[in-house]
C-alpha atoms as a PDB file:
ATOM      1  CA  MET A   1     120.865  79.474 -69.404  1.00  0.00           C
ATOM      2  CA  LEU A   2     124.416  78.860 -68.287  1.00  0.00           C
ATOM      3  CA  LEU A   3     125.604  79.613 -64.770  1.00  0.00           C
ATOM      4  CA  LEU A   4     129.322  79.840 -63.963  1.00  0.00           C
ATOM      5  CA  LEU A   5     130.034  78.715 -60.394  1.00  0.00           C
ATOM      6  CA  ASP A   6     132.896  78.031 -58.061  1.00  0.00           C
ATOM      7  CA  GLN A   7     132.753  74.784 -56.140  1.00  0.00           C
ATOM      8  CA  ALA A   8     131.478  76.184 -52.848  1.00  0.00           C
ATOM      9  CA  THR A   9     129.407  73.736 -50.818  1.00  0.00           C
ATOM     10  CA  CYS A  10     126.173  75.670 -51.355  1.00  0.00           C
ATOM     11  CA  HIS A  11     126.662  75.325 -55.122  1.00  0.00           C
ATOM     12  CA  THR A  12     127.591  71.660 -55.186  1.00  0.00           C
ATOM     13  CA  VAL A  13     124.894  70.372 -52.829  1.00  0.00           C
ATOM     14  CA  GLN A  14     122.534  67.979 -54.602  1.00  0.00           C
ATOM     15  CA  ARG A  15     119.443  70.093 -53.901  1.00  0.00           C
ATOM     16  CA  SER A  16     120.929  73.085 -55.755  1.00  0.00           C
ATOM     17  CA  GLN A  17     121.892  70.936 -58.711  1.00  0.00           C
ATOM     18  CA  VAL A  18     118.424  69.361 -58.896  1.00  0.00           C
ATOM     19  CA  LEU A  19     116.773  72.791 -58.811  1.00  0.00           C
ATOM     20  CA  ALA A  20     119.075  74.055 -61.570  1.00  0.00           C
ATOM     21  CA  ALA A  21     118.146  71.051 -63.715  1.00  0.00           C
ATOM     22  CA  GLN A  22     114.423  71.654 -63.093  1.00  0.00           C
ATOM     23  CA  LEU A  23     114.837  75.281 -64.176  1.00  0.00           C
ATOM     24  CA  ASP A  24     116.826  74.234 -67.258  1.00  0.00           C
ATOM     25  CA  ILE A  25     119.985  75.949 -65.997  1.00  0.00           C
ATOM     26  CA  ARG A  26     123.270  74.408 -67.085  1.00  0.00           C
ATOM     27  CA  LEU A  27     126.019  74.602 -64.455  1.00  0.00           C
ATOM     28  CA  LEU A  28     129.595  75.255 -65.516  1.00  0.00           C
ATOM     29  CA  TRP A  29     132.183  74.693 -62.788  1.00  0.00           C
ATOM     30  CA  LEU A  30     135.327  76.733 -62.274  1.00  0.00           C
ATOM     31  CA  PRO A  31     138.421  74.679 -61.452  1.00  0.00           C
ATOM     32  CA  LYS A  32     139.212  74.308 -57.751  1.00  0.00           C
ATOM     33  CA  ARG A  33     141.776  76.600 -56.179  1.00  0.00           C
ATOM     34  CA  ARG A  34     141.789  79.101 -59.058  1.00  0.00           C
ATOM     35  CA  PRO A  35     140.577  82.389 -57.511  1.00  0.00           C
ATOM     36  CA  GLU A  36     142.015  84.372 -60.422  1.00  0.00           C
ATOM     37  CA  LEU A  37     139.228  82.909 -62.587  1.00  0.00           C
ATOM     38  CA  ASN A  38     136.450  83.880 -60.188  1.00  0.00           C
ATOM     39  CA  ALA A  39     135.242  87.441 -60.760  1.00  0.00           C
ATOM     40  CA  MET A  40     133.611  87.602 -57.313  1.00  0.00           C
ATOM     41  CA  ASP A  41     136.986  87.068 -55.639  1.00  0.00           C
ATOM     42  CA  HIS A  42     138.262  90.199 -57.404  1.00  0.00           C
ATOM     43  CA  VAL A  43     135.181  92.202 -56.388  1.00  0.00           C
ATOM     44  CA  TRP A  44     135.397  91.140 -52.730  1.00  0.00           C
ATOM     45  CA  ARG A  45     139.131  91.840 -52.613  1.00  0.00           C
ATOM     46  CA  GLU A  46     138.565  95.409 -53.829  1.00  0.00           C
ATOM     47  CA  LEU A  47     135.623  95.990 -51.494  1.00  0.00           C
ATOM     48  CA  THR A  48     137.456  94.777 -48.416  1.00  0.00           C
ATOM     49  CA  LEU A  49     140.460  96.945 -49.244  1.00  0.00           C
ATOM     50  CA  HIS A  50     138.310 100.084 -49.273  1.00  0.00           C
ATOM     51  CA  ILE A  51     135.521  99.294 -46.823  1.00  0.00           C
ATOM     52  CA  SER A  52     136.982  97.161 -44.078  1.00  0.00           C
ATOM     53  CA  ALA A  53     140.670  97.997 -44.284  1.00  0.00           C
ATOM     54  CA  ASN A  54     142.074  98.302 -40.772  1.00  0.00           C
ATOM     55  CA  LEU A  55     138.645  97.616 -39.234  1.00  0.00           C
ATOM     56  CA  GLN A  56     137.386  94.574 -37.429  1.00  0.00           C
END
């Protein structure tokens, strides 16, 4: 299995990487500071425009 990840702290912490190795999951890292490559950034941008626009 291959998992595509950004380099958020929760993804890069050693414990997460060890668990992925134990589960035979290969981690593929997105380049830093490239939100256009991260699908979740696009999803969150759309959601916040429609759900939380003009709301605190």
